[in-house]
Amino acid sequence: MVLWKTSMNRGHKAFTIVEVLISITLLSLVLMALYKSADLMRASNLHLFNHLKKSTNTLKGSTTLYKDLIHAEHNITINTEENFHRLSIENTSHSLYGLAQAKVVWLIHKTDNTLLRVEGGDYNIPLKNEERVEIDIIAKNVELFKVYKSKKKDKILAMIQVKGQDPQVFMSQNIAEAPPKPKDSNTTKPVTPKVP
């Protein structure tokens, strides 16, 4: 029995309860710091994701507007309504809904200053019950939606700004001109008699 006690004292040292408590305390402090760091990283990533999501939505809207303008054949009209512009494209081959030729109108709805894209066949705004169109919400809280034509009407400058985001400005060039009006073959010029 004496041999057993002496061999334990020489071979193995045991941790005291104080050392174990100090180790647990230090480990819990390190874990709390790691959790706080991970929580900050998660919040930062969520904020960045939300910002990029908003920017991407506006960018998609700008890309769609650009494609509508580039594929427009002619008859682009711009009307000023209060603080915003309304853009009407009578005939574009860029369709989000598989139409061969579409009429597209970009306008701001008064509720939350929402930028809308209206696409359909032949329709008028305000819409009537029998007219079928597709309406897409491009962005809400729009502070600026302006579209300008150049004097030659071959370039269009578009500006979009959503609240809390940087403004997006782009120019579409080489917009197709309206085809020349065909001469009416049924009309004849009146013949004036020659006086000798």
C-alpha atoms as a PDB file:
ATOM      1  CA  MET A   1       0.000   0.000   0.000  1.00  0.00           C
ATOM      2  CA  VAL A   2       2.786   2.390   0.712  1.00  0.00           C
ATOM      3  CA  LEU A   3       4.347   1.633  -2.658  1.00  0.00           C
ATOM      4  CA  TRP A   4       1.118   2.526  -4.431  1.00  0.00           C
ATOM      5  CA  LYS A   5       0.869   5.959  -2.744  1.00  0.00           C
ATOM      6  CA  THR A   6       4.456   6.875  -3.476  1.00  0.00           C
ATOM      7  CA  SER A   7       4.200   5.851  -7.130  1.00  0.00           C
ATOM      8  CA  MET A   8       1.134   8.078  -7.603  1.00  0.00           C
ATOM      9  CA  ASN A   9       2.883  11.089  -6.150  1.00  0.00           C
ATOM     10  CA  ARG A  10       5.900  10.697  -8.412  1.00  0.00           C
ATOM     11  CA  GLY A  11       4.268   9.736 -11.749  1.00  0.00           C
ATOM     12  CA  HIS A  12       1.131  11.883 -12.208  1.00  0.00           C
ATOM     13  CA  LYS A  13       0.333  15.377 -11.075  1.00  0.00           C
ATOM     14  CA  ALA A  14      -3.374  16.149 -10.950  1.00  0.00           C
ATOM     15  CA  PHE A  15      -5.045  19.487 -11.716  1.00  0.00           C
ATOM     16  CA  THR A  16      -6.383  21.309  -8.753  1.00  0.00           C
ATOM     17  CA  ILE A  17      -9.967  22.555  -8.792  1.00  0.00           C
ATOM     18  CA  VAL A  18      -8.740  26.171  -9.018  1.00  0.00           C
ATOM     19  CA  GLU A  19      -6.748  25.440 -12.183  1.00  0.00           C
ATOM     20  CA  VAL A  20      -9.760  23.746 -13.785  1.00  0.00           C
ATOM     21  CA  LEU A  21     -12.017  26.711 -12.940  1.00  0.00           C
ATOM     22  CA  ILE A  22      -9.484  29.189 -14.374  1.00  0.00           C
ATOM     23  CA  SER A  23      -9.239  27.135 -17.600  1.00  0.00           C
ATOM     24  CA  ILE A  24     -13.023  27.041 -17.963  1.00  0.00           C
ATOM     25  CA  THR A  25     -13.267  30.802 -17.372  1.00  0.00           C
ATOM     26  CA  LEU A  26     -10.586  31.568 -19.985  1.00  0.00           C
ATOM     27  CA  LEU A  27     -12.205  29.229 -22.495  1.00  0.00           C
ATOM     28  CA  SER A  28     -15.612  30.863 -21.980  1.00  0.00           C
ATOM     29  CA  LEU A  29     -14.071  34.344 -22.516  1.00  0.00           C
ATOM     30  CA  VAL A  30     -12.476  33.208 -25.782  1.00  0.00           C
ATOM     31  CA  LEU A  31     -15.745  31.627 -26.965  1.00  0.00           C
ATOM     32  CA  MET A  32     -17.706  34.801 -26.121  1.00  0.00           C
ATOM     33  CA  ALA A  33     -15.233  36.903 -28.136  1.00  0.00           C
ATOM     34  CA  LEU A  34     -15.489  34.500 -31.091  1.00  0.00           C
ATOM     35  CA  TYR A  35     -19.298  34.544 -30.943  1.00  0.00           C
ATOM     36  CA  LYS A  36     -19.369  38.357 -30.858  1.00  0.00           C
ATOM     37  CA  SER A  37     -16.994  38.482 -33.843  1.00  0.00           C
ATOM     38  CA  ALA A  38     -19.102  35.979 -35.791  1.00  0.00           C
ATOM     39  CA  ASP A  39     -22.274  37.938 -34.953  1.00  0.00           C
ATOM     40  CA  LEU A  40     -20.703  41.189 -36.227  1.00  0.00           C
ATOM     41  CA  MET A  41     -19.594  39.425 -39.418  1.00  0.00           C
ATOM     42  CA  ARG A  42     -23.098  38.013 -39.958  1.00  0.00           C
ATOM     43  CA  ALA A  43     -24.708  41.440 -39.493  1.00  0.00           C
ATOM     44  CA  SER A  44     -22.189  43.031 -41.870  1.00  0.00           C
ATOM     45  CA  ASN A  45     -22.827  40.381 -44.527  1.00  0.00           C
ATOM     46  CA  LEU A  46     -26.599  40.818 -44.192  1.00  0.00           C
ATOM     47  CA  HIS A  47     -26.286  44.593 -44.616  1.00  0.00           C
ATOM     48  CA  LEU A  48     -24.051  44.142 -47.687  1.00  0.00           C
ATOM     49  CA  PHE A  49     -26.458  41.559 -49.159  1.00  0.00           C
ATOM     50  CA  ASN A  50     -29.446  43.920 -48.759  1.00  0.00           C
ATOM     51  CA  HIS A  51     -27.506  46.798 -50.338  1.00  0.00           C
ATOM     52  CA  LEU A  52     -26.406  44.661 -53.286  1.00  0.00           C
ATOM     53  CA  LYS A  53     -29.936  43.318 -53.723  1.00  0.00           C
ATOM     54  CA  LYS A  54     -31.343  46.858 -54.005  1.00  0.00           C
ATOM     55  CA  SER A  55     -28.548  47.912 -56.385  1.00  0.00           C
ATOM     56  CA  THR A  56     -29.040  44.817 -58.520  1.00  0.00           C
ATOM     57  CA  ASN A  57     -32.787  45.439 -58.826  1.00  0.00           C
ATOM     58  CA  THR A  58     -32.217  48.992 -60.004  1.00  0.00           C
ATOM     59  CA  LEU A  59     -29.463  47.849 -62.348  1.00  0.00           C
ATOM     60  CA  LYS A  60     -31.806  45.249 -63.876  1.00  0.00           C
ATOM     61  CA  GLY A  61     -34.364  47.990 -64.427  1.00  0.00           C
ATOM     62  CA  SER A  62     -31.766  50.175 -66.129  1.00  0.00           C
ATOM     63  CA  THR A  63     -30.669  47.277 -68.324  1.00  0.00           C
ATOM     64  CA  THR A  64     -34.272  46.589 -69.332  1.00  0.00           C
ATOM     65  CA  LEU A  65     -34.862  50.256 -70.171  1.00  0.00           C
ATOM     66  CA  TYR A  66     -31.662  50.331 -72.222  1.00  0.00           C
ATOM     67  CA  LYS A  67     -32.723  47.236 -74.206  1.00  0.00           C
ATOM     68  CA  ASP A  68     -36.208  48.679 -74.752  1.00  0.00           C
ATOM     69  CA  LEU A  69     -34.657  51.817 -76.250  1.00  0.00           C
ATOM     70  CA  ILE A  70     -32.043  50.038 -78.357  1.00  0.00           C
ATOM     71  CA  HIS A  71     -34.634  47.713 -79.914  1.00  0.00           C
ATOM     72  CA  ALA A  72     -37.188  50.462 -80.452  1.00  0.00           C
ATOM     73  CA  GLU A  73     -37.989  50.966 -84.094  1.00  0.00           C
ATOM     74  CA  HIS A  74     -39.431  54.455 -83.843  1.00  0.00           C
ATOM     75  CA  ASN A  75     -42.184  56.492 -82.199  1.00  0.00           C
ATOM     76  CA  ILE A  76     -40.585  57.196 -78.844  1.00  0.00           C
ATOM     77  CA  THR A  77     -42.481  59.904 -76.987  1.00  0.00           C
ATOM     78  CA  ILE A  78     -41.583  61.566 -73.714  1.00  0.00           C
ATOM     79  CA  ASN A  79     -44.211  63.329 -71.598  1.00  0.00           C
ATOM     80  CA  THR A  80     -43.601  65.291 -68.419  1.00  0.00           C
ATOM     81  CA  GLU A  81     -45.921  64.396 -65.555  1.00  0.00           C
ATOM     82  CA  GLU A  82     -45.405  66.464 -62.401  1.00  0.00           C
ATOM     83  CA  ASN A  83     -41.772  65.817 -61.362  1.00  0.00           C
ATOM     84  CA  PHE A  84     -41.178  62.750 -63.539  1.00  0.00           C
ATOM     85  CA  HIS A  85     -41.205  61.775 -67.206  1.00  0.00           C
ATOM     86  CA  ARG A  86     -43.353  59.159 -68.914  1.00  0.00           C
ATOM     87  CA  LEU A  87     -41.641  57.250 -71.702  1.00  0.00           C
ATOM     88  CA  SER A  88     -43.781  55.588 -74.391  1.00  0.00           C
ATOM     89  CA  ILE A  89     -42.235  53.257 -76.957  1.00  0.00           C
ATOM     90  CA  GLU A  90     -44.844  52.386 -79.558  1.00  0.00           C
ATOM     91  CA  ASN A  91     -42.904  49.553 -81.158  1.00  0.00           C
ATOM     92  CA  THR A  92     -39.955  47.615 -79.721  1.00  0.00           C
ATOM     93  CA  SER A  93     -38.718  44.111 -80.456  1.00  0.00           C
ATOM     94  CA  HIS A  94     -37.458  43.759 -76.864  1.00  0.00           C
ATOM     95  CA  SER A  95     -40.223  41.922 -75.027  1.00  0.00           C
ATOM     96  CA  LEU A  96     -40.085  40.262 -71.629  1.00  0.00           C
ATOM     97  CA  TYR A  97     -43.219  38.254 -72.453  1.00  0.00           C
ATOM     98  CA  GLY A  98     -42.485  36.810 -75.881  1.00  0.00           C
ATOM     99  CA  LEU A  99     -44.298  39.380 -78.033  1.00  0.00           C
ATOM    100  CA  ALA A 100     -42.912  39.896 -81.534  1.00  0.00           C
ATOM    101  CA  GLN A 101     -43.560  43.637 -81.276  1.00  0.00           C
ATOM    102  CA  ALA A 102     -44.529  45.325 -78.033  1.00  0.00           C
ATOM    103  CA  LYS A 103     -45.699  48.688 -76.871  1.00  0.00           C
ATOM    104  CA  VAL A 104     -43.839  49.633 -73.686  1.00  0.00           C
ATOM    105  CA  VAL A 105     -44.578  52.498 -71.320  1.00  0.00           C
ATOM    106  CA  TRP A 106     -42.339  53.512 -68.405  1.00  0.00           C
ATOM    107  CA  LEU A 107     -44.064  55.656 -65.804  1.00  0.00           C
ATOM    108  CA  ILE A 108     -44.041  56.611 -62.131  1.00  0.00           C
ATOM    109  CA  HIS A 109     -47.045  55.544 -60.066  1.00  0.00           C
ATOM    110  CA  LYS A 110     -47.924  57.952 -57.265  1.00  0.00           C
ATOM    111  CA  THR A 111     -47.966  55.231 -54.606  1.00  0.00           C
ATOM    112  CA  ASP A 112     -44.438  55.211 -53.127  1.00  0.00           C
ATOM    113  CA  ASN A 113     -43.153  56.800 -56.368  1.00  0.00           C
ATOM    114  CA  THR A 114     -43.003  53.355 -57.941  1.00  0.00           C
ATOM    115  CA  LEU A 115     -41.335  53.005 -61.352  1.00  0.00           C
ATOM    116  CA  LEU A 116     -43.489  50.713 -63.513  1.00  0.00           C
ATOM    117  CA  ARG A 117     -42.902  49.092 -66.890  1.00  0.00           C
ATOM    118  CA  VAL A 118     -46.103  48.328 -68.816  1.00  0.00           C
ATOM    119  CA  GLU A 119     -45.858  45.967 -71.799  1.00  0.00           C
ATOM    120  CA  GLY A 120     -48.573  44.841 -74.172  1.00  0.00           C
ATOM    121  CA  GLY A 121     -49.928  44.929 -77.678  1.00  0.00           C
ATOM    122  CA  ASP A 122     -52.096  47.911 -78.512  1.00  0.00           C
ATOM    123  CA  TYR A 123     -53.340  49.753 -75.417  1.00  0.00           C
ATOM    124  CA  ASN A 124     -53.805  53.214 -73.987  1.00  0.00           C
ATOM    125  CA  ILE A 125     -53.147  54.622 -70.546  1.00  0.00           C
ATOM    126  CA  PRO A 126     -55.308  54.792 -68.471  1.00  0.00           C
ATOM    127  CA  LEU A 127     -56.057  51.146 -69.196  1.00  0.00           C
ATOM    128  CA  LYS A 128     -59.524  49.921 -70.067  1.00  0.00           C
ATOM    129  CA  ASN A 129     -60.976  46.657 -68.780  1.00  0.00           C
ATOM    130  CA  GLU A 130     -60.547  44.743 -72.035  1.00  0.00           C
ATOM    131  CA  GLU A 131     -56.892  45.721 -72.539  1.00  0.00           C
ATOM    132  CA  ARG A 132     -54.375  43.107 -71.477  1.00  0.00           C
ATOM    133  CA  VAL A 133     -50.914  44.163 -70.406  1.00  0.00           C
ATOM    134  CA  GLU A 134     -48.095  42.983 -68.149  1.00  0.00           C
ATOM    135  CA  ILE A 135     -46.968  45.414 -65.440  1.00  0.00           C
ATOM    136  CA  ASP A 136     -43.583  45.043 -63.753  1.00  0.00           C
ATOM    137  CA  ILE A 137     -42.489  46.957 -60.654  1.00  0.00           C
ATOM    138  CA  ILE A 138     -38.943  48.137 -61.363  1.00  0.00           C
ATOM    139  CA  ALA A 139     -38.195  50.168 -58.221  1.00  0.00           C
ATOM    140  CA  LYS A 140     -39.936  51.942 -55.360  1.00  0.00           C
ATOM    141  CA  ASN A 141     -39.118  55.306 -53.766  1.00  0.00           C
ATOM    142  CA  VAL A 142     -37.859  56.751 -57.045  1.00  0.00           C
ATOM    143  CA  GLU A 143     -36.609  60.311 -56.660  1.00  0.00           C
ATOM    144  CA  LEU A 144     -35.654  60.902 -60.289  1.00  0.00           C
ATOM    145  CA  PHE A 145     -36.834  59.460 -63.605  1.00  0.00           C
ATOM    146  CA  LYS A 146     -35.992  61.704 -66.533  1.00  0.00           C
ATOM    147  CA  VAL A 147     -35.516  60.883 -70.205  1.00  0.00           C
ATOM    148  CA  TYR A 148     -34.250  63.349 -72.833  1.00  0.00           C
ATOM    149  CA  LYS A 149     -33.946  63.107 -76.629  1.00  0.00           C
ATOM    150  CA  SER A 150     -31.186  64.785 -78.601  1.00  0.00           C
ATOM    151  CA  LYS A 151     -32.129  67.322 -81.272  1.00  0.00           C
ATOM    152  CA  LYS A 152     -31.526  64.775 -84.021  1.00  0.00           C
ATOM    153  CA  LYS A 153     -33.590  62.252 -82.025  1.00  0.00           C
ATOM    154  CA  ASP A 154     -30.948  59.554 -82.485  1.00  0.00           C
ATOM    155  CA  LYS A 155     -29.746  59.609 -78.847  1.00  0.00           C
ATOM    156  CA  ILE A 156     -31.656  59.283 -75.598  1.00  0.00           C
ATOM    157  CA  LEU A 157     -30.299  60.126 -72.151  1.00  0.00           C
ATOM    158  CA  ALA A 158     -31.983  58.356 -69.216  1.00  0.00           C
ATOM    159  CA  MET A 159     -31.539  59.125 -65.512  1.00  0.00           C
ATOM    160  CA  ILE A 160     -32.897  57.013 -62.660  1.00  0.00           C
ATOM    161  CA  GLN A 161     -32.337  57.574 -58.967  1.00  0.00           C
ATOM    162  CA  VAL A 162     -33.808  55.526 -56.154  1.00  0.00           C
ATOM    163  CA  LYS A 163     -33.817  56.921 -52.623  1.00  0.00           C
ATOM    164  CA  GLY A 164     -30.639  55.956 -50.792  1.00  0.00           C
ATOM    165  CA  GLN A 165     -28.806  54.806 -53.938  1.00  0.00           C
ATOM    166  CA  ASP A 166     -26.470  56.388 -56.434  1.00  0.00           C
ATOM    167  CA  PRO A 167     -28.122  57.787 -59.571  1.00  0.00           C
ATOM    168  CA  GLN A 168     -27.857  55.705 -62.723  1.00  0.00           C
ATOM    169  CA  VAL A 169     -27.321  57.580 -65.969  1.00  0.00           C
ATOM    170  CA  PHE A 170     -26.869  56.089 -69.427  1.00  0.00           C
ATOM    171  CA  MET A 171     -27.220  57.107 -73.046  1.00  0.00           C
ATOM    172  CA  SER A 172     -28.699  55.040 -75.844  1.00  0.00           C
ATOM    173  CA  GLN A 173     -27.277  55.971 -79.231  1.00  0.00           C
ATOM    174  CA  ASN A 174     -28.235  55.249 -82.826  1.00  0.00           C
ATOM    175  CA  ILE A 175     -31.951  55.073 -82.092  1.00  0.00           C
ATOM    176  CA  ALA A 176     -33.772  54.079 -85.298  1.00  0.00           C
ATOM    177  CA  GLU A 177     -35.624  56.878 -87.005  1.00  0.00           C
ATOM    178  CA  ALA A 178     -39.213  56.612 -88.081  1.00  0.00           C
ATOM    179  CA  PRO A 179     -39.469  55.369 -91.655  1.00  0.00           C
ATOM    180  CA  PRO A 180     -40.349  58.022 -94.209  1.00  0.00           C
ATOM    181  CA  LYS A 181     -44.012  58.322 -94.925  1.00  0.00           C
ATOM    182  CA  PRO A 182     -44.901  56.647 -98.209  1.00  0.00           C
ATOM    183  CA  LYS A 183     -46.211  58.890-100.903  1.00  0.00           C
ATOM    184  CA  ASP A 184     -49.869  58.348-101.521  1.00  0.00           C
ATOM    185  CA  SER A 185     -50.294  57.105-105.095  1.00  0.00           C
ATOM    186  CA  ASN A 186     -54.027  57.828-105.136  1.00  0.00           C
ATOM    187  CA  THR A 187     -53.647  61.538-104.941  1.00  0.00           C
ATOM    188  CA  THR A 188     -52.915  63.316-108.136  1.00  0.00           C
ATOM    189  CA  LYS A 189     -51.692  66.801-108.572  1.00  0.00           C
ATOM    190  CA  PRO A 190     -54.193  69.150-110.098  1.00  0.00           C
ATOM    191  CA  VAL A 191     -53.265  69.971-113.634  1.00  0.00           C
ATOM    192  CA  THR A 192     -53.038  73.656-114.335  1.00  0.00           C
ATOM    193  CA  PRO A 193     -53.802  74.594-117.870  1.00  0.00           C
ATOM    194  CA  LYS A 194     -51.075  76.437-119.719  1.00  0.00           C
ATOM    195  CA  VAL A 195     -52.011  79.801-121.003  1.00  0.00           C
ATOM    196  CA  PRO A 196     -50.436  80.731-124.358  1.00  0.00           C
END
